[in-house]
PDB file of all heavy atoms in Angstrom:
ATOM      1  N   ALA A   1     -62.644 -13.593  86.521  1.00  0.00           N
ATOM      2  CA  ALA A   1     -61.752 -12.849  87.414  1.00  0.00           C
ATOM      3  C   ALA A   1     -61.470 -11.440  86.908  1.00  0.00           C
ATOM      4  O   ALA A   1     -61.640 -10.460  87.646  1.00  0.00           O
ATOM      5  CB  ALA A   1     -60.448 -13.620  87.603  1.00  0.00           C
ATOM      6  N   THR A   2     -61.064 -11.320  85.642  1.00  0.00           N
ATOM      7  CA  THR A   2     -60.657 -10.002  85.137  1.00  0.00           C
ATOM      8  C   THR A   2     -61.340  -9.608  83.840  1.00  0.00           C
ATOM      9  O   THR A   2     -61.452  -8.412  83.544  1.00  0.00           O
ATOM     10  CB  THR A   2     -59.127  -9.967  84.919  1.00  0.00           C
ATOM     11  OG1 THR A   2     -58.753 -11.013  84.002  1.00  0.00           O
ATOM     12  CG2 THR A   2     -58.386 -10.177  86.236  1.00  0.00           C
ATOM     13  N   ASP A   3     -61.809 -10.569  83.046  1.00  0.00           N
ATOM     14  CA  ASP A   3     -62.388 -10.235  81.737  1.00  0.00           C
ATOM     15  C   ASP A   3     -63.820  -9.718  81.837  1.00  0.00           C
ATOM     16  O   ASP A   3     -64.130  -8.610  81.400  1.00  0.00           O
ATOM     17  CB  ASP A   3     -62.369 -11.457  80.811  1.00  0.00           C
ATOM     18  CG  ASP A   3     -60.964 -11.901  80.452  1.00  0.00           C
ATOM     19  OD1 ASP A   3     -60.072 -11.039  80.410  1.00  0.00           O
ATOM     20  OD2 ASP A   3     -60.762 -13.104  80.220  1.00  0.00           O
ATOM     21  N   LEU A   4     -64.725 -10.543  82.360  1.00  0.00           N
ATOM     22  CA  LEU A   4     -66.145 -10.225  82.315  1.00  0.00           C
ATOM     23  C   LEU A   4     -66.526  -8.957  83.089  1.00  0.00           C
ATOM     24  O   LEU A   4     -67.417  -8.222  82.634  1.00  0.00           O
ATOM     25  CB  LEU A   4     -66.969 -11.418  82.807  1.00  0.00           C
ATOM     26  CG  LEU A   4     -66.834 -12.685  81.949  1.00  0.00           C
ATOM     27  CD1 LEU A   4     -67.690 -13.814  82.517  1.00  0.00           C
ATOM     28  CD2 LEU A   4     -67.210 -12.412  80.499  1.00  0.00           C
ATOM     29  N   PRO A   5     -65.898  -8.660  84.237  1.00  0.00           N
ATOM     30  CA  PRO A   5     -66.274  -7.413  84.914  1.00  0.00           C
ATOM     31  C   PRO A   5     -66.053  -6.177  84.061  1.00  0.00           C
ATOM     32  O   PRO A   5     -66.730  -5.161  84.246  1.00  0.00           O
ATOM     33  CB  PRO A   5     -65.361  -7.402  86.157  1.00  0.00           C
ATOM     34  CG  PRO A   5     -65.066  -8.841  86.420  1.00  0.00           C
ATOM     35  CD  PRO A   5     -64.961  -9.464  85.053  1.00  0.00           C
ATOM     36  N   VAL A   6     -65.138  -6.246  83.114  1.00  0.00           N
ATOM     37  CA  VAL A   6     -64.873  -5.121  82.211  1.00  0.00           C
ATOM     38  C   VAL A   6     -65.645  -5.275  80.906  1.00  0.00           C
ATOM     39  O   VAL A   6     -66.309  -4.350  80.425  1.00  0.00           O
ATOM     40  CB  VAL A   6     -63.361  -5.006  81.923  1.00  0.00           C
ATOM     41  CG1 VAL A   6     -63.094  -3.912  80.890  1.00  0.00           C
ATOM     42  CG2 VAL A   6     -62.592  -4.740  83.205  1.00  0.00           C
ATOM     43  N   GLN A   7     -65.569  -6.463  80.316  1.00  0.00           N
ATOM     44  CA  GLN A   7     -66.121  -6.667  78.976  1.00  0.00           C
ATOM     45  C   GLN A   7     -67.646  -6.589  78.932  1.00  0.00           C
ATOM     46  O   GLN A   7     -68.214  -5.961  78.026  1.00  0.00           O
ATOM     47  CB  GLN A   7     -65.666  -8.025  78.436  1.00  0.00           C
ATOM     48  CG  GLN A   7     -64.190  -8.105  78.120  1.00  0.00           C
ATOM     49  CD  GLN A   7     -63.778  -9.504  77.683  1.00  0.00           C
ATOM     50  OE1 GLN A   7     -64.425 -10.498  78.025  1.00  0.00           O
ATOM     51  NE2 GLN A   7     -62.698  -9.595  76.924  1.00  0.00           N
ATOM     52  N   THR A   8     -68.321  -7.245  79.889  1.00  0.00           N
ATOM     53  CA  THR A   8     -69.779  -7.308  79.778  1.00  0.00           C
ATOM     54  C   THR A   8     -70.428  -5.926  79.886  1.00  0.00           C
ATOM     55  O   THR A   8     -71.271  -5.579  79.049  1.00  0.00           O
ATOM     56  CB  THR A   8     -70.368  -8.288  80.805  1.00  0.00           C
ATOM     57  OG1 THR A   8     -69.680  -9.537  80.715  1.00  0.00           O
ATOM     58  CG2 THR A   8     -71.847  -8.527  80.540  1.00  0.00           C
ATOM     59  N   PRO A   9     -70.087  -5.092  80.867  1.00  0.00           N
ATOM     60  CA  PRO A   9     -70.675  -3.743  80.862  1.00  0.00           C
ATOM     61  C   PRO A   9     -70.300  -2.935  79.618  1.00  0.00           C
ATOM     62  O   PRO A   9     -71.141  -2.213  79.065  1.00  0.00           O
ATOM     63  CB  PRO A   9     -70.101  -3.101  82.128  1.00  0.00           C
ATOM     64  CG  PRO A   9     -69.691  -4.237  82.994  1.00  0.00           C
ATOM     65  CD  PRO A   9     -69.256  -5.323  82.057  1.00  0.00           C
ATOM     66  N   LYS A  10     -69.058  -3.072  79.174  1.00  0.00           N
ATOM     67  CA  LYS A  10     -68.612  -2.303  78.003  1.00  0.00           C
ATOM     68  C   LYS A  10     -69.454  -2.638  76.782  1.00  0.00           C
ATOM     69  O   LYS A  10     -69.953  -1.733  76.086  1.00  0.00           O
ATOM     70  CB  LYS A  10     -67.136  -2.601  77.723  1.00  0.00           C
ATOM     71  CG  LYS A  10     -66.606  -1.928  76.466  1.00  0.00           C
ATOM     72  CD  LYS A  10     -65.130  -2.227  76.269  1.00  0.00           C
ATOM     73  CE  LYS A  10     -64.596  -1.561  75.006  1.00  0.00           C
ATOM     74  NZ  LYS A  10     -63.130  -1.807  74.829  1.00  0.00           N
ATOM     75  N   TYR A  11     -69.649  -3.927  76.529  1.00  0.00           N
ATOM     76  CA  TYR A  11     -70.344  -4.318  75.299  1.00  0.00           C
ATOM     77  C   TYR A  11     -71.855  -4.377  75.465  1.00  0.00           C
ATOM     78  O   TYR A  11     -72.576  -4.381  74.459  1.00  0.00           O
ATOM     79  CB  TYR A  11     -69.776  -5.637  74.788  1.00  0.00           C
ATOM     80  CG  TYR A  11     -68.330  -5.479  74.355  1.00  0.00           C
ATOM     81  CD1 TYR A  11     -67.302  -6.108  75.045  1.00  0.00           C
ATOM     82  CD2 TYR A  11     -68.005  -4.665  73.283  1.00  0.00           C
ATOM     83  CE1 TYR A  11     -65.978  -5.941  74.674  1.00  0.00           C
ATOM     84  CE2 TYR A  11     -66.680  -4.480  72.900  1.00  0.00           C
ATOM     85  CZ  TYR A  11     -65.673  -5.116  73.600  1.00  0.00           C
ATOM     86  OH  TYR A  11     -64.361  -4.923  73.233  1.00  0.00           O
ATOM     87  N   ALA A  12     -72.352  -4.375  76.703  1.00  0.00           N
ATOM     88  CA  ALA A  12     -73.803  -4.317  76.911  1.00  0.00           C
ATOM     89  C   ALA A  12     -74.366  -2.984  76.459  1.00  0.00           C
ATOM     90  O   ALA A  12     -75.563  -2.878  76.161  1.00  0.00           O
ATOM     91  CB  ALA A  12     -74.140  -4.552  78.374  1.00  0.00           C
ATOM     92  N   GLU A  13     -73.535  -1.959  76.411  1.00  0.00           N
ATOM     93  CA  GLU A  13     -73.997  -0.668  75.912  1.00  0.00           C
ATOM     94  C   GLU A  13     -74.149  -0.683  74.395  1.00  0.00           C
ATOM     95  O   GLU A  13     -74.897   0.116  73.827  1.00  0.00           O
ATOM     96  CB  GLU A  13     -73.015   0.438  76.333  1.00  0.00           C
ATOM     97  CG  GLU A  13     -73.519   1.836  76.045  1.00  0.00           C
ATOM     98  CD  GLU A  13     -72.610   2.915  76.620  1.00  0.00           C
ATOM     99  OE1 GLU A  13     -71.848   2.624  77.577  1.00  0.00           O
ATOM    100  OE2 GLU A  13     -72.666   4.051  76.103  1.00  0.00           O
ATOM    101  N   LEU A  14     -73.463  -1.632  73.733  1.00  0.00           N
ATOM    102  CA  LEU A  14     -73.450  -1.684  72.278  1.00  0.00           C
ATOM    103  C   LEU A  14     -74.279  -2.828  71.698  1.00  0.00           C
ATOM    104  O   LEU A  14     -74.745  -2.739  70.566  1.00  0.00           O
ATOM    105  CB  LEU A  14     -72.005  -1.833  71.785  1.00  0.00           C
ATOM    106  CG  LEU A  14     -71.015  -0.760  72.244  1.00  0.00           C
ATOM    107  CD1 LEU A  14     -69.608  -1.119  71.800  1.00  0.00           C
ATOM    108  CD2 LEU A  14     -71.424   0.602  71.704  1.00  0.00           C
ATOM    109  N   TYR A  15     -74.455  -3.914  72.463  1.00  0.00           N
ATOM    110  CA  TYR A  15     -75.100  -5.127  71.954  1.00  0.00           C
ATOM    111  C   TYR A  15     -75.953  -5.768  73.045  1.00  0.00           C
ATOM    112  O   TYR A  15     -75.760  -5.509  74.241  1.00  0.00           O
ATOM    113  CB  TYR A  15     -74.043  -6.165  71.532  1.00  0.00           C
ATOM    114  CG  TYR A  15     -73.093  -5.714  70.456  1.00  0.00           C
ATOM    115  CD1 TYR A  15     -71.877  -5.106  70.785  1.00  0.00           C
ATOM    116  CD2 TYR A  15     -73.395  -5.893  69.112  1.00  0.00           C
ATOM    117  CE1 TYR A  15     -70.994  -4.694  69.803  1.00  0.00           C
ATOM    118  CE2 TYR A  15     -72.517  -5.482  68.118  1.00  0.00           C
ATOM    119  CZ  TYR A  15     -71.312  -4.882  68.467  1.00  0.00           C
ATOM    120  OH  TYR A  15     -70.445  -4.467  67.493  1.00  0.00           O
ATOM    121  N   ASN A  16     -76.846  -6.645  72.628  1.00  0.00           N
ATOM    122  CA  ASN A  16     -77.439  -7.597  73.561  1.00  0.00           C
ATOM    123  C   ASN A  16     -76.352  -8.620  73.902  1.00  0.00           C
ATOM    124  O   ASN A  16     -75.661  -9.118  73.008  1.00  0.00           O
ATOM    125  CB  ASN A  16     -78.627  -8.313  72.928  1.00  0.00           C
ATOM    126  CG  ASN A  16     -79.731  -7.351  72.537  1.00  0.00           C
ATOM    127  OD1 ASN A  16     -80.100  -6.463  73.296  1.00  0.00           O
ATOM    128  ND2 ASN A  16     -80.264  -7.522  71.319  1.00  0.00           N
ATOM    129  N   VAL A  17     -76.187  -8.930  75.190  1.00  0.00           N
ATOM    130  CA  VAL A  17     -75.046  -9.751  75.588  1.00  0.00           C
ATOM    131  C   VAL A  17     -75.473 -10.890  76.503  1.00  0.00           C
ATOM    132  O   VAL A  17     -76.502 -10.838  77.187  1.00  0.00           O
ATOM    133  CB  VAL A  17     -73.958  -8.915  76.294  1.00  0.00           C
ATOM    134  CG1 VAL A  17     -73.389  -7.862  75.363  1.00  0.00           C
ATOM    135  CG2 VAL A  17     -74.489  -8.283  77.575  1.00  0.00           C
ATOM    136  N   VAL A  18     -74.610 -11.925  76.510  1.00  0.00           N
ATOM    137  CA  VAL A  18     -74.747 -13.074  77.404  1.00  0.00           C
ATOM    138  C   VAL A  18     -73.380 -13.350  77.997  1.00  0.00           C
ATOM    139  O   VAL A  18     -72.376 -13.365  77.266  1.00  0.00           O
ATOM    140  CB  VAL A  18     -75.233 -14.323  76.639  1.00  0.00           C
ATOM    141  CG1 VAL A  18     -75.349 -15.522  77.579  1.00  0.00           C
ATOM    142  CG2 VAL A  18     -76.554 -14.063  75.939  1.00  0.00           C
ATOM    143  N   ASP A  19     -73.308 -13.578  79.315  1.00  0.00           N
ATOM    144  CA  ASP A  19     -72.034 -14.011  79.896  1.00  0.00           C
ATOM    145  C   ASP A  19     -72.253 -15.117  80.921  1.00  0.00           C
ATOM    146  O   ASP A  19     -73.389 -15.456  81.271  1.00  0.00           O
ATOM    147  CB  ASP A  19     -71.220 -12.834  80.459  1.00  0.00           C
ATOM    148  CG  ASP A  19     -71.587 -12.389  81.875  1.00  0.00           C
ATOM    149  OD1 ASP A  19     -72.339 -13.090  82.587  1.00  0.00           O
ATOM    150  OD2 ASP A  19     -71.109 -11.317  82.305  1.00  0.00           O
ATOM    151  N   SER A  20     -71.134 -15.695  81.386  1.00  0.00           N
ATOM    152  CA  SER A  20     -71.185 -16.796  82.347  1.00  0.00           C
ATOM    153  C   SER A  20     -70.462 -16.433  83.638  1.00  0.00           C
ATOM    154  O   SER A  20     -69.808 -17.279  84.254  1.00  0.00           O
ATOM    155  CB  SER A  20     -70.567 -18.061  81.726  1.00  0.00           C
ATOM    156  OG  SER A  20     -69.213 -17.825  81.346  1.00  0.00           O
ATOM    157  N   PHE A  21     -70.559 -15.184  84.051  1.00  0.00           N
ATOM    158  CA  PHE A  21     -69.883 -14.705  85.258  1.00  0.00           C
ATOM    159  C   PHE A  21     -70.224 -15.601  86.446  1.00  0.00           C
ATOM    160  O   PHE A  21     -71.401 -15.803  86.766  1.00  0.00           O
ATOM    161  CB  PHE A  21     -70.309 -13.265  85.546  1.00  0.00           C
ATOM    162  CG  PHE A  21     -69.594 -12.626  86.700  1.00  0.00           C
ATOM    163  CD1 PHE A  21     -68.307 -12.132  86.540  1.00  0.00           C
ATOM    164  CD2 PHE A  21     -70.198 -12.507  87.941  1.00  0.00           C
ATOM    165  CE1 PHE A  21     -67.644 -11.533  87.604  1.00  0.00           C
ATOM    166  CE2 PHE A  21     -69.546 -11.917  88.997  1.00  0.00           C
ATOM    167  CZ  PHE A  21     -68.265 -11.422  88.839  1.00  0.00           C
ATOM    168  N   ASP A  22     -69.208 -16.155  87.120  1.00  0.00           N
ATOM    169  CA  ASP A  22     -69.490 -17.156  88.148  1.00  0.00           C
ATOM    170  C   ASP A  22     -68.842 -16.881  89.507  1.00  0.00           C
ATOM    171  O   ASP A  22     -68.743 -17.791  90.342  1.00  0.00           O
ATOM    172  CB  ASP A  22     -69.102 -18.549  87.666  1.00  0.00           C
ATOM    173  CG  ASP A  22     -67.597 -18.720  87.440  1.00  0.00           C
ATOM    174  OD1 ASP A  22     -66.843 -17.737  87.620  1.00  0.00           O
ATOM    175  OD2 ASP A  22     -67.186 -19.837  87.071  1.00  0.00           O
ATOM    176  N   THR A  23     -68.416 -15.645  89.736  1.00  0.00           N
ATOM    177  CA  THR A  23     -67.926 -15.300  91.071  1.00  0.00           C
ATOM    178  C   THR A  23     -69.134 -14.897  91.908  1.00  0.00           C
ATOM    179  O   THR A  23     -69.583 -13.748  91.873  1.00  0.00           O
ATOM    180  CB  THR A  23     -66.892 -14.156  91.002  1.00  0.00           C
ATOM    181  OG1 THR A  23     -65.866 -14.511  90.083  1.00  0.00           O
ATOM    182  CG2 THR A  23     -66.285 -13.906  92.383  1.00  0.00           C
ATOM    183  N   HIS A  24     -69.702 -15.856  92.651  1.00  0.00           N
ATOM    184  CA  HIS A  24     -71.004 -15.681  93.299  1.00  0.00           C
ATOM    185  C   HIS A  24     -71.066 -14.414  94.160  1.00  0.00           C
ATOM    186  O   HIS A  24     -72.060 -13.683  94.128  1.00  0.00           O
ATOM    187  CB  HIS A  24     -71.333 -16.912  94.144  1.00  0.00           C
ATOM    188  CG  HIS A  24     -71.654 -18.125  93.332  1.00  0.00           C
ATOM    189  ND1 HIS A  24     -72.940 -18.532  93.059  1.00  0.00           N
ATOM    190  CD2 HIS A  24     -70.843 -19.028  92.722  1.00  0.00           C
ATOM    191  CE1 HIS A  24     -72.922 -19.624  92.328  1.00  0.00           C
ATOM    192  NE2 HIS A  24     -71.650 -19.955  92.106  1.00  0.00           N
ATOM    193  N   ALA A  25     -70.022 -14.158  94.930  1.00  0.00           N
ATOM    194  CA  ALA A  25     -70.058 -13.033  95.863  1.00  0.00           C
ATOM    195  C   ALA A  25     -70.140 -11.687  95.147  1.00  0.00           C
ATOM    196  O   ALA A  25     -70.633 -10.709  95.709  1.00  0.00           O
ATOM    197  CB  ALA A  25     -68.825 -13.058  96.765  1.00  0.00           C
ATOM    198  N   ASN A  26     -69.691 -11.634  93.899  1.00  0.00           N
ATOM    199  CA  ASN A  26     -69.647 -10.366  93.164  1.00  0.00           C
ATOM    200  C   ASN A  26     -70.785 -10.198  92.156  1.00  0.00           C
ATOM    201  O   ASN A  26     -70.819  -9.226  91.402  1.00  0.00           O
ATOM    202  CB  ASN A  26     -68.308 -10.233  92.433  1.00  0.00           C
ATOM    203  CG  ASN A  26     -67.130 -10.145  93.392  1.00  0.00           C
ATOM    204  OD1 ASN A  26     -67.297  -9.756  94.548  1.00  0.00           O
ATOM    205  ND2 ASN A  26     -65.958 -10.523  92.924  1.00  0.00           N
ATOM    206  N   ILE A  27     -71.727 -11.140  92.141  1.00  0.00           N
ATOM    207  CA  ILE A  27     -72.828 -11.061  91.183  1.00  0.00           C
ATOM    208  C   ILE A  27     -73.662  -9.787  91.350  1.00  0.00           C
ATOM    209  O   ILE A  27     -73.992  -9.133  90.351  1.00  0.00           O
ATOM    210  CB  ILE A  27     -73.700 -12.328  91.258  1.00  0.00           C
ATOM    211  CG1 ILE A  27     -72.979 -13.497  90.577  1.00  0.00           C
ATOM    212  CG2 ILE A  27     -75.067 -12.102  90.604  1.00  0.00           C
ATOM    213  CD1 ILE A  27     -73.706 -14.824  90.670  1.00  0.00           C
ATOM    214  N   PRO A  28     -74.037  -9.356  92.573  1.00  0.00           N
ATOM    215  CA  PRO A  28     -74.840  -8.129  92.680  1.00  0.00           C
ATOM    216  C   PRO A  28     -74.168  -6.906  92.057  1.00  0.00           C
ATOM    217  O   PRO A  28     -74.816  -6.125  91.345  1.00  0.00           O
ATOM    218  CB  PRO A  28     -75.034  -7.969  94.188  1.00  0.00           C
ATOM    219  CG  PRO A  28     -74.966  -9.376  94.720  1.00  0.00           C
ATOM    220  CD  PRO A  28     -73.910 -10.040  93.886  1.00  0.00           C
ATOM    221  N   ALA A  29     -72.875  -6.744  92.296  1.00  0.00           N
ATOM    222  CA  ALA A  29     -72.166  -5.587  91.729  1.00  0.00           C
ATOM    223  C   ALA A  29     -72.059  -5.707  90.218  1.00  0.00           C
ATOM    224  O   ALA A  29     -72.231  -4.714  89.485  1.00  0.00           O
ATOM    225  CB  ALA A  29     -70.778  -5.469  92.354  1.00  0.00           C
ATOM    226  N   HIS A  30     -71.778  -6.900  89.726  1.00  0.00           N
ATOM    227  CA  HIS A  30     -71.677  -7.116  88.277  1.00  0.00           C
ATOM    228  C   HIS A  30     -73.025  -6.845  87.613  1.00  0.00           C
ATOM    229  O   HIS A  30     -73.092  -6.195  86.556  1.00  0.00           O
ATOM    230  CB  HIS A  30     -71.210  -8.543  88.008  1.00  0.00           C
ATOM    231  CG  HIS A  30     -70.964  -8.853  86.565  1.00  0.00           C
ATOM    232  ND1 HIS A  30     -70.072  -8.147  85.778  1.00  0.00           N
ATOM    233  CD2 HIS A  30     -71.498  -9.808  85.744  1.00  0.00           C
ATOM    234  CE1 HIS A  30     -70.066  -8.645  84.555  1.00  0.00           C
ATOM    235  NE2 HIS A  30     -70.932  -9.647  84.500  1.00  0.00           N
ATOM    236  N   PHE A  31     -74.087  -7.310  88.226  1.00  0.00           N
ATOM    237  CA  PHE A  31     -75.432  -7.078  87.690  1.00  0.00           C
ATOM    238  C   PHE A  31     -75.707  -5.576  87.578  1.00  0.00           C
ATOM    239  O   PHE A  31     -76.207  -5.103  86.553  1.00  0.00           O
ATOM    240  CB  PHE A  31     -76.479  -7.733  88.588  1.00  0.00           C
ATOM    241  CG  PHE A  31     -77.893  -7.554  88.106  1.00  0.00           C
ATOM    242  CD1 PHE A  31     -78.482  -8.494  87.277  1.00  0.00           C
ATOM    243  CD2 PHE A  31     -78.643  -6.437  88.468  1.00  0.00           C
ATOM    244  CE1 PHE A  31     -79.795  -8.325  86.815  1.00  0.00           C
ATOM    245  CE2 PHE A  31     -79.938  -6.256  88.011  1.00  0.00           C
ATOM    246  CZ  PHE A  31     -80.513  -7.208  87.187  1.00  0.00           C
ATOM    247  N   ALA A  32     -75.388  -4.831  88.623  1.00  0.00           N
ATOM    248  CA  ALA A  32     -75.654  -3.393  88.616  1.00  0.00           C
ATOM    249  C   ALA A  32     -74.886  -2.692  87.498  1.00  0.00           C
ATOM    250  O   ALA A  32     -75.424  -1.803  86.812  1.00  0.00           O
ATOM    251  CB  ALA A  32     -75.294  -2.793  89.968  1.00  0.00           C
ATOM    252  N   ASN A  33     -73.635  -3.085  87.282  1.00  0.00           N
ATOM    253  CA  ASN A  33     -72.823  -2.461  86.233  1.00  0.00           C
ATOM    254  C   ASN A  33     -73.379  -2.762  84.839  1.00  0.00           C
ATOM    255  O   ASN A  33     -73.459  -1.879  83.977  1.00  0.00           O
ATOM    256  CB  ASN A  33     -71.379  -2.949  86.332  1.00  0.00           C
ATOM    257  CG  ASN A  33     -70.681  -2.445  87.583  1.00  0.00           C
ATOM    258  OD1 ASN A  33     -71.053  -1.416  88.137  1.00  0.00           O
ATOM    259  ND2 ASN A  33     -69.671  -3.171  88.029  1.00  0.00           N
ATOM    260  N   VAL A  34     -73.762  -4.012  84.628  1.00  0.00           N
ATOM    261  CA  VAL A  34     -74.309  -4.396  83.323  1.00  0.00           C
ATOM    262  C   VAL A  34     -75.679  -3.756  83.106  1.00  0.00           C
ATOM    263  O   VAL A  34     -76.010  -3.311  82.000  1.00  0.00           O
ATOM    264  CB  VAL A  34     -74.387  -5.928  83.204  1.00  0.00           C
ATOM    265  CG1 VAL A  34     -75.059  -6.347  81.891  1.00  0.00           C
ATOM    266  CG2 VAL A  34     -72.992  -6.544  83.297  1.00  0.00           C
ATOM    267  N   ASP A  35     -76.474  -3.693  84.160  1.00  0.00           N
ATOM    268  CA  ASP A  35     -77.809  -3.106  84.062  1.00  0.00           C
ATOM    269  C   ASP A  35     -77.733  -1.645  83.612  1.00  0.00           C
ATOM    270  O   ASP A  35     -78.463  -1.219  82.704  1.00  0.00           O
ATOM    271  CB  ASP A  35     -78.509  -3.217  85.409  1.00  0.00           C
ATOM    272  CG  ASP A  35     -79.967  -2.802  85.348  1.00  0.00           C
ATOM    273  OD1 ASP A  35     -80.692  -3.330  84.482  1.00  0.00           O
ATOM    274  OD2 ASP A  35     -80.384  -1.958  86.170  1.00  0.00           O
TER     275      ASP A  35
END
């Protein structure tokens, strides 16, 4: 809900990352931010 949309893009710039983001409707936007 609130952690992964912020944390995963932030730390993907610094590390290889893995997350379990499960809000199906928001996956495309989350993917674009992390990418």
